[in-house]
Amino acid sequence: MDWITSYVADTYLRTCCNPSDSLDVWYKNLCEEFKLATEEAKISAFHAYHEATKPLTRAPKDWYKWLVAWEDAISTGKSVRLAETSDPVSWFEAFIKVI
């Protein structure tokens, strides 16, 4: 249990690792906590992707900044396995429609 207390953030230790619980319970609690964090990350990536793929009504003031935000939305979506970003053909088509 010492290795968990050494590597897990204090907030997670307080919320997921009750000292009277077994290591198995700690593990299950931590997995559930990270599952929720992953779902929140996926929702956030979904919104960022859809914001990035809205058709432009006018040219961005800073094309480089806009492109970096678009690439970040795609990259983040891929990292959380967002369906819209898993297929290059799909996100390329969305990119073409945006510009």
C-alpha atoms as a PDB file:
ATOM      1  CA  MET A   1       0.000   0.000   0.000  1.00  0.00           C
ATOM      2  CA  ASP A   2       2.973   2.302   0.475  1.00  0.00           C
ATOM      3  CA  TRP A   3       3.600   2.446  -3.243  1.00  0.00           C
ATOM      4  CA  ILE A   4       0.034   3.661  -3.820  1.00  0.00           C
ATOM      5  CA  THR A   5       0.379   6.437  -1.275  1.00  0.00           C
ATOM      6  CA  SER A   6       3.672   7.406  -2.927  1.00  0.00           C
ATOM      7  CA  TYR A   7       2.297   7.628  -6.466  1.00  0.00           C
ATOM      8  CA  VAL A   8      -1.374   8.597  -6.130  1.00  0.00           C
ATOM      9  CA  ALA A   9      -2.314  12.271  -5.716  1.00  0.00           C
ATOM     10  CA  ASP A  10      -3.534  13.316  -2.273  1.00  0.00           C
ATOM     11  CA  THR A  11      -7.011  14.162  -3.525  1.00  0.00           C
ATOM     12  CA  TYR A  12      -7.484  10.646  -4.872  1.00  0.00           C
ATOM     13  CA  LEU A  13      -6.072   9.147  -1.682  1.00  0.00           C
ATOM     14  CA  ARG A  14      -8.653  11.060   0.361  1.00  0.00           C
ATOM     15  CA  THR A  15     -11.590  10.208  -1.895  1.00  0.00           C
ATOM     16  CA  CYS A  16     -10.757   6.676  -3.047  1.00  0.00           C
ATOM     17  CA  CYS A  17      -8.419   5.073  -0.526  1.00  0.00           C
ATOM     18  CA  ASN A  18      -9.986   4.727   2.892  1.00  0.00           C
ATOM     19  CA  PRO A  19      -7.309   3.281   5.212  1.00  0.00           C
ATOM     20  CA  SER A  20      -9.783   0.714   6.580  1.00  0.00           C
ATOM     21  CA  ASP A  21     -10.524  -0.663   3.076  1.00  0.00           C
ATOM     22  CA  SER A  22      -8.571  -3.377   1.307  1.00  0.00           C
ATOM     23  CA  LEU A  23      -6.189  -2.784  -1.579  1.00  0.00           C
ATOM     24  CA  ASP A  24      -8.783  -4.359  -3.884  1.00  0.00           C
ATOM     25  CA  VAL A  25     -11.358  -1.736  -2.850  1.00  0.00           C
ATOM     26  CA  TRP A  26      -8.795   1.034  -3.363  1.00  0.00           C
ATOM     27  CA  TYR A  27      -8.093  -0.252  -6.854  1.00  0.00           C
ATOM     28  CA  LYS A  28     -11.796  -0.442  -7.755  1.00  0.00           C
ATOM     29  CA  ASN A  29     -12.409   3.061  -6.382  1.00  0.00           C
ATOM     30  CA  LEU A  30      -9.472   4.514  -8.313  1.00  0.00           C
ATOM     31  CA  CYS A  31     -10.591   2.800 -11.530  1.00  0.00           C
ATOM     32  CA  GLU A  32     -14.095   4.202 -11.123  1.00  0.00           C
ATOM     33  CA  GLU A  33     -12.732   7.701 -10.461  1.00  0.00           C
ATOM     34  CA  PHE A  34     -10.555   7.600 -13.574  1.00  0.00           C
ATOM     35  CA  LYS A  35     -13.403   6.174 -15.627  1.00  0.00           C
ATOM     36  CA  LEU A  36     -15.425   9.285 -14.749  1.00  0.00           C
ATOM     37  CA  ALA A  37     -12.469  11.523 -15.594  1.00  0.00           C
ATOM     38  CA  THR A  38     -12.118   9.757 -18.945  1.00  0.00           C
ATOM     39  CA  GLU A  39     -15.808  10.255 -19.722  1.00  0.00           C
ATOM     40  CA  GLU A  40     -15.516  13.954 -18.860  1.00  0.00           C
ATOM     41  CA  ALA A  41     -12.455  14.233 -21.099  1.00  0.00           C
ATOM     42  CA  LYS A  42     -14.369  12.575 -23.939  1.00  0.00           C
ATOM     43  CA  ILE A  43     -17.283  15.004 -23.538  1.00  0.00           C
ATOM     44  CA  SER A  44     -14.871  17.927 -23.516  1.00  0.00           C
ATOM     45  CA  ALA A  45     -13.099  16.573 -26.622  1.00  0.00           C
ATOM     46  CA  PHE A  46     -16.467  16.106 -28.338  1.00  0.00           C
ATOM     47  CA  HIS A  47     -17.389  19.758 -27.732  1.00  0.00           C
ATOM     48  CA  ALA A  48     -13.947  20.987 -28.819  1.00  0.00           C
ATOM     49  CA  TYR A  49     -14.147  18.939 -32.026  1.00  0.00           C
ATOM     50  CA  HIS A  50     -17.594  20.234 -32.893  1.00  0.00           C
ATOM     51  CA  GLU A  51     -16.530  23.797 -32.145  1.00  0.00           C
ATOM     52  CA  ALA A  52     -13.463  23.346 -34.370  1.00  0.00           C
ATOM     53  CA  THR A  53     -15.532  21.904 -37.228  1.00  0.00           C
ATOM     54  CA  LYS A  54     -18.175  24.622 -37.346  1.00  0.00           C
ATOM     55  CA  PRO A  55     -18.127  26.243 -40.776  1.00  0.00           C
ATOM     56  CA  LEU A  56     -16.314  29.564 -40.770  1.00  0.00           C
ATOM     57  CA  THR A  57     -18.519  32.567 -41.403  1.00  0.00           C
ATOM     58  CA  ARG A  58     -15.444  34.711 -42.071  1.00  0.00           C
ATOM     59  CA  ALA A  59     -11.714  34.227 -42.172  1.00  0.00           C
ATOM     60  CA  PRO A  60     -10.011  33.938 -38.788  1.00  0.00           C
ATOM     61  CA  LYS A  61      -7.868  36.896 -37.742  1.00  0.00           C
ATOM     62  CA  ASP A  62      -5.039  34.496 -36.990  1.00  0.00           C
ATOM     63  CA  TRP A  63      -5.017  31.448 -39.273  1.00  0.00           C
ATOM     64  CA  TYR A  64      -2.121  29.864 -37.407  1.00  0.00           C
ATOM     65  CA  LYS A  65      -3.937  30.102 -34.060  1.00  0.00           C
ATOM     66  CA  TRP A  66      -7.116  28.703 -35.632  1.00  0.00           C
ATOM     67  CA  LEU A  67      -5.212  25.802 -37.212  1.00  0.00           C
ATOM     68  CA  VAL A  68      -3.454  24.977 -33.939  1.00  0.00           C
ATOM     69  CA  ALA A  69      -6.840  24.893 -32.160  1.00  0.00           C
ATOM     70  CA  TRP A  70      -8.231  22.623 -34.883  1.00  0.00           C
ATOM     71  CA  GLU A  71      -5.237  20.276 -34.687  1.00  0.00           C
ATOM     72  CA  ASP A  72      -5.520  20.232 -30.893  1.00  0.00           C
ATOM     73  CA  ALA A  73      -9.206  19.253 -31.122  1.00  0.00           C
ATOM     74  CA  ILE A  74      -8.361  16.388 -33.498  1.00  0.00           C
ATOM     75  CA  SER A  75      -5.404  15.230 -31.407  1.00  0.00           C
ATOM     76  CA  THR A  76      -7.370  15.352 -28.155  1.00  0.00           C
ATOM     77  CA  GLY A  77     -10.246  13.522 -29.797  1.00  0.00           C
ATOM     78  CA  LYS A  78      -7.910  10.777 -30.965  1.00  0.00           C
ATOM     79  CA  SER A  79      -6.375  10.423 -27.513  1.00  0.00           C
ATOM     80  CA  VAL A  80      -9.791   9.749 -25.938  1.00  0.00           C
ATOM     81  CA  ARG A  81     -10.896   7.628 -28.932  1.00  0.00           C
ATOM     82  CA  LEU A  82     -13.605   9.977 -30.099  1.00  0.00           C
ATOM     83  CA  ALA A  83     -15.357   8.318 -33.046  1.00  0.00           C
ATOM     84  CA  GLU A  84     -15.331  11.475 -35.190  1.00  0.00           C
ATOM     85  CA  THR A  85     -11.554  11.710 -35.030  1.00  0.00           C
ATOM     86  CA  SER A  86     -10.682   8.045 -35.496  1.00  0.00           C
ATOM     87  CA  ASP A  87     -11.043   8.070 -39.288  1.00  0.00           C
ATOM     88  CA  PRO A  88      -8.826  10.502 -41.232  1.00  0.00           C
ATOM     89  CA  VAL A  89     -11.317  10.598 -44.114  1.00  0.00           C
ATOM     90  CA  SER A  90     -14.056  11.811 -41.742  1.00  0.00           C
ATOM     91  CA  TRP A  91     -12.068  14.557 -40.071  1.00  0.00           C
ATOM     92  CA  PHE A  92     -10.500  15.640 -43.368  1.00  0.00           C
ATOM     93  CA  GLU A  93     -13.984  16.021 -44.892  1.00  0.00           C
ATOM     94  CA  ALA A  94     -15.032  18.053 -41.843  1.00  0.00           C
ATOM     95  CA  PHE A  95     -11.909  20.217 -42.241  1.00  0.00           C
ATOM     96  CA  ILE A  96     -12.664  20.868 -45.916  1.00  0.00           C
ATOM     97  CA  LYS A  97     -16.249  21.862 -45.080  1.00  0.00           C
ATOM     98  CA  VAL A  98     -14.985  24.281 -42.415  1.00  0.00           C
ATOM     99  CA  ILE A  99     -12.645  26.144 -44.688  1.00  0.00           C
END
